[in-house]
Amino acid sequence: MPIFPGIYHNAILISALTAWLLAQILKVAVNLLLVRKLNFSLFFSSGGFPSSHSATVSALALGVGKYYGWDSPIFAVAAVFGMIVLYDATGVRRAAGKQAEVLNRLVERLYHGPDLAQERLKELIGHTPLEVFGGVMVGIIVGLLV
């Protein structure tokens, strides 16, 4: 079987990618509502509300469970994979973002010259629990609809 027609008919993959796409679009929309500024760069960023990583793995695990059964080994793999992603988003990646924020402020305070060679570290890479929860909800809704 050719690879591309098979991919186009893979409902689980389509569900996961749709959840990611919707979460990224929602990041731009939520920012527009809260800040009253259209920022298309948020579409390509990590961090923010809702978490696209959480939406993707939630739709993936839900799709696998629906298709292969909630007691299947492949659902167990998808569920554990999803839990690791959710934990990482609120733990490791969020901590790295906080550290980047502190380091950026420290560099700005210590060096005031115009030739600052150090580029700013990316601060918005992790998620709050609410952002992860929003992503999970997007993933569940998309997973149920696809």
C-alpha atoms as a PDB file:
ATOM      1  CA  MET A   1       0.000   0.000   0.000  1.00  0.00           C
ATOM      2  CA  PRO A   2       1.387   3.447  -0.874  1.00  0.00           C
ATOM      3  CA  ILE A   3       2.281   5.503   2.188  1.00  0.00           C
ATOM      4  CA  PHE A   4       0.440   8.760   1.488  1.00  0.00           C
ATOM      5  CA  PRO A   5      -3.083   7.452   0.849  1.00  0.00           C
ATOM      6  CA  GLY A   6      -2.751   5.435   4.047  1.00  0.00           C
ATOM      7  CA  ILE A   7      -1.748   8.507   6.040  1.00  0.00           C
ATOM      8  CA  TYR A   8      -4.686  10.500   4.671  1.00  0.00           C
ATOM      9  CA  HIS A   9      -7.100   7.838   5.959  1.00  0.00           C
ATOM     10  CA  ASN A  10      -5.521   7.474   9.403  1.00  0.00           C
ATOM     11  CA  ALA A  11      -8.247   8.900  11.666  1.00  0.00           C
ATOM     12  CA  ILE A  12      -6.047   8.780  14.777  1.00  0.00           C
ATOM     13  CA  LEU A  13      -3.274  10.780  13.116  1.00  0.00           C
ATOM     14  CA  ILE A  14      -5.775  13.248  11.648  1.00  0.00           C
ATOM     15  CA  SER A  15      -7.355  13.664  15.088  1.00  0.00           C
ATOM     16  CA  ALA A  16      -4.011  14.371  16.774  1.00  0.00           C
ATOM     17  CA  LEU A  17      -2.883  16.827  14.084  1.00  0.00           C
ATOM     18  CA  THR A  18      -6.265  18.575  14.102  1.00  0.00           C
ATOM     19  CA  ALA A  19      -6.052  18.993  17.885  1.00  0.00           C
ATOM     20  CA  TRP A  20      -2.574  20.505  17.510  1.00  0.00           C
ATOM     21  CA  LEU A  21      -3.752  22.870  14.759  1.00  0.00           C
ATOM     22  CA  LEU A  22      -6.838  23.960  16.710  1.00  0.00           C
ATOM     23  CA  ALA A  23      -4.787  24.590  19.874  1.00  0.00           C
ATOM     24  CA  GLN A  24      -2.312  26.726  17.940  1.00  0.00           C
ATOM     25  CA  ILE A  25      -5.147  28.732  16.358  1.00  0.00           C
ATOM     26  CA  LEU A  26      -6.749  29.149  19.784  1.00  0.00           C
ATOM     27  CA  LYS A  27      -3.474  30.574  21.166  1.00  0.00           C
ATOM     28  CA  VAL A  28      -3.701  33.414  18.655  1.00  0.00           C
ATOM     29  CA  ALA A  29      -7.427  33.915  19.334  1.00  0.00           C
ATOM     30  CA  VAL A  30      -7.045  33.913  23.135  1.00  0.00           C
ATOM     31  CA  ASN A  31      -4.204  36.418  22.886  1.00  0.00           C
ATOM     32  CA  LEU A  32      -6.346  38.613  20.631  1.00  0.00           C
ATOM     33  CA  LEU A  33      -9.182  38.560  23.172  1.00  0.00           C
ATOM     34  CA  LEU A  34      -6.995  39.191  26.231  1.00  0.00           C
ATOM     35  CA  VAL A  35      -4.369  41.589  24.885  1.00  0.00           C
ATOM     36  CA  ARG A  36      -6.348  43.065  21.979  1.00  0.00           C
ATOM     37  CA  LYS A  37      -3.397  42.472  19.686  1.00  0.00           C
ATOM     38  CA  LEU A  38      -3.142  40.036  16.783  1.00  0.00           C
ATOM     39  CA  ASN A  39       0.115  38.115  17.153  1.00  0.00           C
ATOM     40  CA  PHE A  40       0.511  35.463  14.446  1.00  0.00           C
ATOM     41  CA  SER A  41       3.910  34.408  15.805  1.00  0.00           C
ATOM     42  CA  LEU A  42       2.058  32.645  18.644  1.00  0.00           C
ATOM     43  CA  PHE A  43       0.877  30.109  16.067  1.00  0.00           C
ATOM     44  CA  PHE A  44       4.453  28.865  15.750  1.00  0.00           C
ATOM     45  CA  SER A  45       5.362  29.100  19.434  1.00  0.00           C
ATOM     46  CA  SER A  46       5.330  26.685  22.320  1.00  0.00           C
ATOM     47  CA  GLY A  47       3.821  27.657  25.651  1.00  0.00           C
ATOM     48  CA  GLY A  48       0.615  29.577  26.197  1.00  0.00           C
ATOM     49  CA  PHE A  49      -3.056  28.661  26.390  1.00  0.00           C
ATOM     50  CA  PRO A  50      -4.050  26.043  25.398  1.00  0.00           C
ATOM     51  CA  SER A  51      -1.125  23.648  25.322  1.00  0.00           C
ATOM     52  CA  SER A  52      -0.872  22.164  21.835  1.00  0.00           C
ATOM     53  CA  HIS A  53       1.366  19.360  23.119  1.00  0.00           C
ATOM     54  CA  SER A  54      -1.350  18.379  25.596  1.00  0.00           C
ATOM     55  CA  ALA A  55      -4.046  18.630  22.946  1.00  0.00           C
ATOM     56  CA  THR A  56      -2.064  16.432  20.555  1.00  0.00           C
ATOM     57  CA  VAL A  57      -1.269  13.616  22.976  1.00  0.00           C
ATOM     58  CA  SER A  58      -4.789  13.667  24.450  1.00  0.00           C
ATOM     59  CA  ALA A  59      -6.404  13.301  21.026  1.00  0.00           C
ATOM     60  CA  LEU A  60      -3.863  10.601  20.169  1.00  0.00           C
ATOM     61  CA  ALA A  61      -4.517   8.544  23.314  1.00  0.00           C
ATOM     62  CA  LEU A  62      -8.281   8.946  22.980  1.00  0.00           C
ATOM     63  CA  GLY A  63      -8.175   7.871  19.340  1.00  0.00           C
ATOM     64  CA  VAL A  64      -6.032   4.838  20.122  1.00  0.00           C
ATOM     65  CA  GLY A  65      -8.345   3.852  22.976  1.00  0.00           C
ATOM     66  CA  LYS A  66     -11.461   4.218  20.822  1.00  0.00           C
ATOM     67  CA  TYR A  67      -9.984   2.297  17.891  1.00  0.00           C
ATOM     68  CA  TYR A  68      -7.915  -0.440  19.544  1.00  0.00           C
ATOM     69  CA  GLY A  69      -9.705  -0.702  22.881  1.00  0.00           C
ATOM     70  CA  TRP A  70      -9.066   0.744  26.315  1.00  0.00           C
ATOM     71  CA  ASP A  71      -7.419  -2.508  27.419  1.00  0.00           C
ATOM     72  CA  SER A  72      -4.990  -2.737  24.479  1.00  0.00           C
ATOM     73  CA  PRO A  73      -1.220  -2.499  24.918  1.00  0.00           C
ATOM     74  CA  ILE A  74      -1.026   0.281  22.322  1.00  0.00           C
ATOM     75  CA  PHE A  75      -3.464   2.401  24.371  1.00  0.00           C
ATOM     76  CA  ALA A  76      -1.244   1.852  27.418  1.00  0.00           C
ATOM     77  CA  VAL A  77       1.736   3.133  25.410  1.00  0.00           C
ATOM     78  CA  ALA A  78      -0.211   6.179  24.168  1.00  0.00           C
ATOM     79  CA  ALA A  79      -1.536   6.950  27.670  1.00  0.00           C
ATOM     80  CA  VAL A  80       1.887   6.720  29.326  1.00  0.00           C
ATOM     81  CA  PHE A  81       3.428   8.775  26.517  1.00  0.00           C
ATOM     82  CA  GLY A  82       0.721  11.380  27.079  1.00  0.00           C
ATOM     83  CA  MET A  83       1.316  11.476  30.833  1.00  0.00           C
ATOM     84  CA  ILE A  84       5.034  12.040  30.270  1.00  0.00           C
ATOM     85  CA  VAL A  85       4.303  14.924  27.885  1.00  0.00           C
ATOM     86  CA  LEU A  86       1.832  16.503  30.340  1.00  0.00           C
ATOM     87  CA  TYR A  87       4.275  16.165  33.232  1.00  0.00           C
ATOM     88  CA  ASP A  88       7.117  17.576  31.165  1.00  0.00           C
ATOM     89  CA  ALA A  89       5.040  20.577  30.050  1.00  0.00           C
ATOM     90  CA  THR A  90       4.191  21.647  33.610  1.00  0.00           C
ATOM     91  CA  GLY A  91       7.436  20.527  35.213  1.00  0.00           C
ATOM     92  CA  VAL A  92      10.690  20.530  33.299  1.00  0.00           C
ATOM     93  CA  ARG A  93       9.743  22.893  30.468  1.00  0.00           C
ATOM     94  CA  ARG A  94       8.012  25.349  32.794  1.00  0.00           C
ATOM     95  CA  ALA A  95      11.036  25.405  35.107  1.00  0.00           C
ATOM     96  CA  ALA A  96      13.338  25.982  32.129  1.00  0.00           C
ATOM     97  CA  GLY A  97      11.174  28.921  31.077  1.00  0.00           C
ATOM     98  CA  LYS A  98      11.349  30.432  34.560  1.00  0.00           C
ATOM     99  CA  GLN A  99      15.131  30.009  34.587  1.00  0.00           C
ATOM    100  CA  ALA A 100      15.365  31.697  31.182  1.00  0.00           C
ATOM    101  CA  GLU A 101      13.345  34.631  32.519  1.00  0.00           C
ATOM    102  CA  VAL A 102      15.683  35.042  35.510  1.00  0.00           C
ATOM    103  CA  LEU A 103      18.797  34.750  33.334  1.00  0.00           C
ATOM    104  CA  ASN A 104      17.466  37.319  30.851  1.00  0.00           C
ATOM    105  CA  ARG A 105      16.822  39.812  33.681  1.00  0.00           C
ATOM    106  CA  LEU A 106      20.241  39.128  35.180  1.00  0.00           C
ATOM    107  CA  VAL A 107      22.048  39.720  31.881  1.00  0.00           C
ATOM    108  CA  GLU A 108      20.074  42.949  31.313  1.00  0.00           C
ATOM    109  CA  ARG A 109      20.985  44.268  34.784  1.00  0.00           C
ATOM    110  CA  LEU A 110      24.657  43.365  34.554  1.00  0.00           C
ATOM    111  CA  TYR A 111      25.257  44.594  31.044  1.00  0.00           C
ATOM    112  CA  HIS A 112      23.741  47.844  29.789  1.00  0.00           C
ATOM    113  CA  GLY A 113      25.799  48.382  26.634  1.00  0.00           C
ATOM    114  CA  PRO A 114      24.334  48.406  23.109  1.00  0.00           C
ATOM    115  CA  ASP A 115      26.527  45.534  21.914  1.00  0.00           C
ATOM    116  CA  LEU A 116      24.940  42.824  23.994  1.00  0.00           C
ATOM    117  CA  ALA A 117      26.051  39.667  22.167  1.00  0.00           C
ATOM    118  CA  GLN A 118      23.855  37.374  24.254  1.00  0.00           C
ATOM    119  CA  GLU A 119      20.474  36.911  22.616  1.00  0.00           C
ATOM    120  CA  ARG A 120      17.499  36.614  24.938  1.00  0.00           C
ATOM    121  CA  LEU A 121      16.581  33.106  25.998  1.00  0.00           C
ATOM    122  CA  LYS A 122      13.102  31.920  25.120  1.00  0.00           C
ATOM    123  CA  GLU A 123      10.949  32.232  28.226  1.00  0.00           C
ATOM    124  CA  LEU A 124       7.583  30.904  27.082  1.00  0.00           C
ATOM    125  CA  ILE A 125       8.338  27.195  26.702  1.00  0.00           C
ATOM    126  CA  GLY A 126       6.401  25.535  29.505  1.00  0.00           C
ATOM    127  CA  HIS A 127       2.823  25.581  30.710  1.00  0.00           C
ATOM    128  CA  THR A 128       0.794  26.283  33.793  1.00  0.00           C
ATOM    129  CA  PRO A 129      -1.548  23.505  34.905  1.00  0.00           C
ATOM    130  CA  LEU A 130      -4.485  25.524  33.505  1.00  0.00           C
ATOM    131  CA  GLU A 131      -2.844  25.739  30.074  1.00  0.00           C
ATOM    132  CA  VAL A 132      -2.257  21.976  30.094  1.00  0.00           C
ATOM    133  CA  PHE A 133      -5.852  21.356  31.201  1.00  0.00           C
ATOM    134  CA  GLY A 134      -7.083  23.557  28.333  1.00  0.00           C
ATOM    135  CA  GLY A 135      -4.991  21.530  25.893  1.00  0.00           C
ATOM    136  CA  VAL A 136      -6.336  18.250  27.265  1.00  0.00           C
ATOM    137  CA  MET A 137      -9.894  19.546  26.816  1.00  0.00           C
ATOM    138  CA  VAL A 138      -9.171  20.544  23.205  1.00  0.00           C
ATOM    139  CA  GLY A 139      -7.668  17.089  22.569  1.00  0.00           C
ATOM    140  CA  ILE A 140     -10.636  15.276  24.113  1.00  0.00           C
ATOM    141  CA  ILE A 141     -13.178  17.318  22.155  1.00  0.00           C
ATOM    142  CA  VAL A 142     -11.346  16.813  18.865  1.00  0.00           C
ATOM    143  CA  GLY A 143     -10.761  13.135  19.651  1.00  0.00           C
ATOM    144  CA  LEU A 144     -14.471  12.614  20.260  1.00  0.00           C
ATOM    145  CA  LEU A 145     -15.484  14.459  17.102  1.00  0.00           C
ATOM    146  CA  VAL A 146     -13.000  12.899  14.656  1.00  0.00           C
END
